[in-house]
Amino acid sequence: MKGDRVEIVIDAGDSSRTYEVVATRAGRRVEVTNSRGGVVEVSEVTRSGTAVRTARFMSSRILALVEHPAEDAAA
């Protein structure tokens, strides 16, 4: 749902970098997929399952992957 986001912290040698993938529109969500080749994909996906935006990272370089679900409006 809109507001879902995932933060990824990557080891960039002498420093670390932080990337963020956010569900930008209503009905979209963020999915995290681990593949066998050592790659982690973070995608913004529509209701029908079409990927709008995808970020790929080598799992050996990931220091942290934090999922932040959207806050429920009813709460």
N, C-alpha and C. Protein backbone atom coordinates (compact mmCIF):
# COMPACT_ATOMS: atom_id res chain seq x y z
N MET A 1 0.83 -1.18 0.00
CA MET A 1 0.00 0.00 0.00
C MET A 1 0.88 1.24 0.00
N LYS A 2 0.32 2.34 -0.41
CA LYS A 2 1.09 3.58 -0.49
C LYS A 2 1.72 3.89 0.86
N GLY A 3 2.98 4.18 0.84
CA GLY A 3 3.71 4.48 2.07
C GLY A 3 4.63 3.36 2.51
N ASP A 4 4.43 2.13 1.97
CA ASP A 4 5.38 1.06 2.25
C ASP A 4 6.75 1.49 1.77
N ARG A 5 7.77 1.15 2.53
CA ARG A 5 9.11 1.47 2.06
C ARG A 5 10.10 0.47 2.63
N VAL A 6 11.20 0.32 1.90
CA VAL A 6 12.28 -0.58 2.31
C VAL A 6 13.58 0.21 2.23
N GLU A 7 14.36 0.17 3.30
CA GLU A 7 15.67 0.80 3.33
C GLU A 7 16.73 -0.28 3.21
N ILE A 8 17.73 -0.06 2.37
CA ILE A 8 18.81 -1.00 2.17
C ILE A 8 20.12 -0.28 2.43
N VAL A 9 20.93 -0.81 3.34
CA VAL A 9 22.25 -0.24 3.62
C VAL A 9 23.28 -1.17 3.00
N ILE A 10 24.15 -0.59 2.15
CA ILE A 10 25.13 -1.34 1.36
C ILE A 10 26.54 -0.98 1.80
N ASP A 11 27.41 -1.99 1.86
CA ASP A 11 28.84 -1.78 2.10
C ASP A 11 29.47 -1.32 0.79
N ALA A 12 29.99 -0.10 0.77
CA ALA A 12 30.59 0.46 -0.44
C ALA A 12 32.09 0.61 -0.28
N GLY A 13 32.73 -0.36 0.34
CA GLY A 13 34.17 -0.30 0.54
C GLY A 13 34.53 0.49 1.77
N ASP A 14 34.91 1.74 1.61
CA ASP A 14 35.34 2.56 2.75
C ASP A 14 34.18 3.23 3.46
N SER A 15 32.98 3.13 2.93
CA SER A 15 31.81 3.75 3.57
C SER A 15 30.58 2.88 3.32
N SER A 16 29.44 3.37 3.74
CA SER A 16 28.19 2.66 3.46
C SER A 16 27.23 3.62 2.76
N ARG A 17 26.35 3.06 1.95
CA ARG A 17 25.33 3.85 1.26
C ARG A 17 23.96 3.33 1.62
N THR A 18 23.00 4.22 1.67
CA THR A 18 21.63 3.85 1.99
C THR A 18 20.74 4.14 0.80
N TYR A 19 19.94 3.14 0.42
CA TYR A 19 18.98 3.28 -0.66
C TYR A 19 17.59 3.04 -0.09
N GLU A 20 16.60 3.63 -0.73
CA GLU A 20 15.22 3.51 -0.25
C GLU A 20 14.29 3.29 -1.45
N VAL A 21 13.42 2.29 -1.35
CA VAL A 21 12.41 2.03 -2.36
C VAL A 21 11.07 2.24 -1.67
N VAL A 22 10.21 3.10 -2.27
CA VAL A 22 8.95 3.50 -1.65
C VAL A 22 7.79 3.23 -2.60
N ALA A 23 6.66 2.75 -2.06
CA ALA A 23 5.43 2.62 -2.84
C ALA A 23 4.84 4.02 -2.95
N THR A 24 4.87 4.60 -4.15
CA THR A 24 4.54 6.01 -4.32
C THR A 24 3.07 6.30 -4.58
N ARG A 25 2.30 5.32 -5.01
CA ARG A 25 0.89 5.54 -5.32
C ARG A 25 0.01 4.55 -4.59
N ALA A 26 -1.26 4.89 -4.48
CA ALA A 26 -2.23 4.00 -3.83
C ALA A 26 -2.32 2.69 -4.62
N GLY A 27 -2.38 1.59 -3.92
CA GLY A 27 -2.50 0.29 -4.55
C GLY A 27 -1.18 -0.37 -4.87
N ARG A 28 -0.08 0.33 -4.71
CA ARG A 28 1.23 -0.26 -4.97
C ARG A 28 1.84 -0.74 -3.67
N ARG A 29 2.72 -1.72 -3.79
CA ARG A 29 3.39 -2.28 -2.62
C ARG A 29 4.86 -2.50 -2.96
N VAL A 30 5.65 -2.77 -1.94
CA VAL A 30 7.07 -3.04 -2.14
C VAL A 30 7.32 -4.51 -1.78
N GLU A 31 7.98 -5.24 -2.69
CA GLU A 31 8.28 -6.65 -2.47
C GLU A 31 9.79 -6.86 -2.47
N VAL A 32 10.24 -7.77 -1.60
CA VAL A 32 11.65 -8.14 -1.52
C VAL A 32 11.78 -9.59 -1.95
N THR A 33 12.70 -9.87 -2.89
CA THR A 33 12.90 -11.21 -3.41
C THR A 33 14.37 -11.59 -3.31
N ASN A 34 14.64 -12.77 -2.74
CA ASN A 34 16.01 -13.31 -2.70
C ASN A 34 16.13 -14.37 -3.77
N SER A 35 17.15 -14.26 -4.62
CA SER A 35 17.34 -15.28 -5.65
C SER A 35 18.54 -16.15 -5.29
N ARG A 36 18.62 -17.27 -5.96
CA ARG A 36 19.66 -18.24 -5.65
C ARG A 36 21.06 -17.74 -6.02
N GLY A 37 21.16 -16.83 -6.94
CA GLY A 37 22.45 -16.33 -7.39
C GLY A 37 23.10 -15.32 -6.47
N GLY A 38 22.53 -15.06 -5.31
CA GLY A 38 23.10 -14.10 -4.38
C GLY A 38 22.67 -12.67 -4.64
N VAL A 39 21.52 -12.51 -5.29
CA VAL A 39 21.01 -11.18 -5.61
C VAL A 39 19.69 -10.95 -4.86
N VAL A 40 19.55 -9.76 -4.28
CA VAL A 40 18.30 -9.37 -3.61
C VAL A 40 17.65 -8.30 -4.48
N GLU A 41 16.38 -8.51 -4.84
CA GLU A 41 15.62 -7.53 -5.63
C GLU A 41 14.56 -6.89 -4.75
N VAL A 42 14.49 -5.57 -4.82
CA VAL A 42 13.45 -4.82 -4.12
C VAL A 42 12.65 -4.10 -5.20
N SER A 43 11.34 -4.40 -5.30
CA SER A 43 10.53 -3.87 -6.39
C SER A 43 9.28 -3.17 -5.87
N GLU A 44 8.93 -2.08 -6.55
CA GLU A 44 7.63 -1.45 -6.35
C GLU A 44 6.69 -2.10 -7.35
N VAL A 45 5.60 -2.68 -6.87
CA VAL A 45 4.73 -3.51 -7.70
C VAL A 45 3.31 -2.94 -7.67
N THR A 46 2.63 -2.97 -8.85
CA THR A 46 1.24 -2.53 -8.93
C THR A 46 0.30 -3.62 -8.43
N ARG A 47 -0.99 -3.32 -8.37
CA ARG A 47 -1.99 -4.30 -7.94
C ARG A 47 -1.98 -5.55 -8.81
N SER A 48 -1.73 -5.37 -10.11
CA SER A 48 -1.75 -6.50 -11.04
C SER A 48 -0.46 -7.30 -11.01
N GLY A 49 0.55 -6.84 -10.29
CA GLY A 49 1.80 -7.57 -10.18
C GLY A 49 2.90 -7.12 -11.10
N THR A 50 2.70 -6.02 -11.81
CA THR A 50 3.71 -5.49 -12.72
C THR A 50 4.71 -4.65 -11.93
N ALA A 51 5.99 -4.93 -12.12
CA ALA A 51 7.03 -4.17 -11.44
C ALA A 51 7.20 -2.81 -12.10
N VAL A 52 7.13 -1.75 -11.30
CA VAL A 52 7.28 -0.39 -11.80
C VAL A 52 8.74 0.05 -11.68
N ARG A 53 9.35 -0.29 -10.56
CA ARG A 53 10.72 0.11 -10.26
C ARG A 53 11.39 -1.06 -9.56
N THR A 54 12.61 -1.39 -9.94
CA THR A 54 13.32 -2.50 -9.32
C THR A 54 14.75 -2.09 -9.01
N ALA A 55 15.21 -2.46 -7.81
CA ALA A 55 16.60 -2.24 -7.42
C ALA A 55 17.19 -3.60 -7.09
N ARG A 56 18.40 -3.87 -7.60
CA ARG A 56 19.06 -5.15 -7.36
C ARG A 56 20.37 -4.92 -6.60
N PHE A 57 20.62 -5.77 -5.60
CA PHE A 57 21.81 -5.66 -4.77
C PHE A 57 22.42 -7.04 -4.57
N MET A 58 23.74 -7.10 -4.51
CA MET A 58 24.44 -8.34 -4.19
C MET A 58 24.25 -8.60 -2.69
N SER A 59 23.82 -9.79 -2.34
CA SER A 59 23.52 -10.08 -0.94
C SER A 59 24.77 -10.02 -0.06
N SER A 60 25.94 -10.25 -0.63
CA SER A 60 27.17 -10.18 0.16
C SER A 60 27.52 -8.75 0.57
N ARG A 61 26.95 -7.75 -0.10
CA ARG A 61 27.22 -6.34 0.19
C ARG A 61 26.18 -5.70 1.11
N ILE A 62 25.08 -6.38 1.37
CA ILE A 62 24.01 -5.80 2.18
C ILE A 62 24.36 -5.88 3.66
N LEU A 63 24.36 -4.74 4.32
CA LEU A 63 24.58 -4.67 5.77
C LEU A 63 23.26 -4.76 6.51
N ALA A 64 22.23 -4.10 5.98
CA ALA A 64 20.91 -4.11 6.62
C ALA A 64 19.83 -3.90 5.58
N LEU A 65 18.71 -4.57 5.77
CA LEU A 65 17.53 -4.40 4.92
C LEU A 65 16.35 -4.28 5.88
N VAL A 66 15.76 -3.09 5.92
CA VAL A 66 14.70 -2.79 6.88
C VAL A 66 13.41 -2.49 6.14
N GLU A 67 12.35 -3.24 6.46
CA GLU A 67 11.04 -3.01 5.85
C GLU A 67 10.20 -2.16 6.79
N HIS A 68 9.63 -1.09 6.25
CA HIS A 68 8.76 -0.18 7.00
C HIS A 68 7.37 -0.25 6.38
N PRO A 69 6.44 -1.01 6.99
CA PRO A 69 5.08 -1.05 6.43
C PRO A 69 4.38 0.29 6.63
N ALA A 70 3.45 0.59 5.73
CA ALA A 70 2.69 1.83 5.84
C ALA A 70 1.80 1.76 7.07
N GLU A 71 1.62 2.90 7.69
CA GLU A 71 0.74 2.94 8.85
C GLU A 71 -0.70 2.90 8.42
N ASP A 72 -1.51 2.14 9.11
CA ASP A 72 -2.92 2.00 8.77
C ASP A 72 -3.66 3.29 9.12
N ALA A 73 -4.45 3.81 8.20
CA ALA A 73 -5.18 5.07 8.41
C ALA A 73 -6.24 4.92 9.50
N ALA A 74 -6.75 3.70 9.69
CA ALA A 74 -7.81 3.48 10.68
C ALA A 74 -7.26 3.46 12.11
N ALA A 75 -5.95 3.24 12.27
CA ALA A 75 -5.36 3.09 13.60
C ALA A 75 -5.19 4.38 14.31
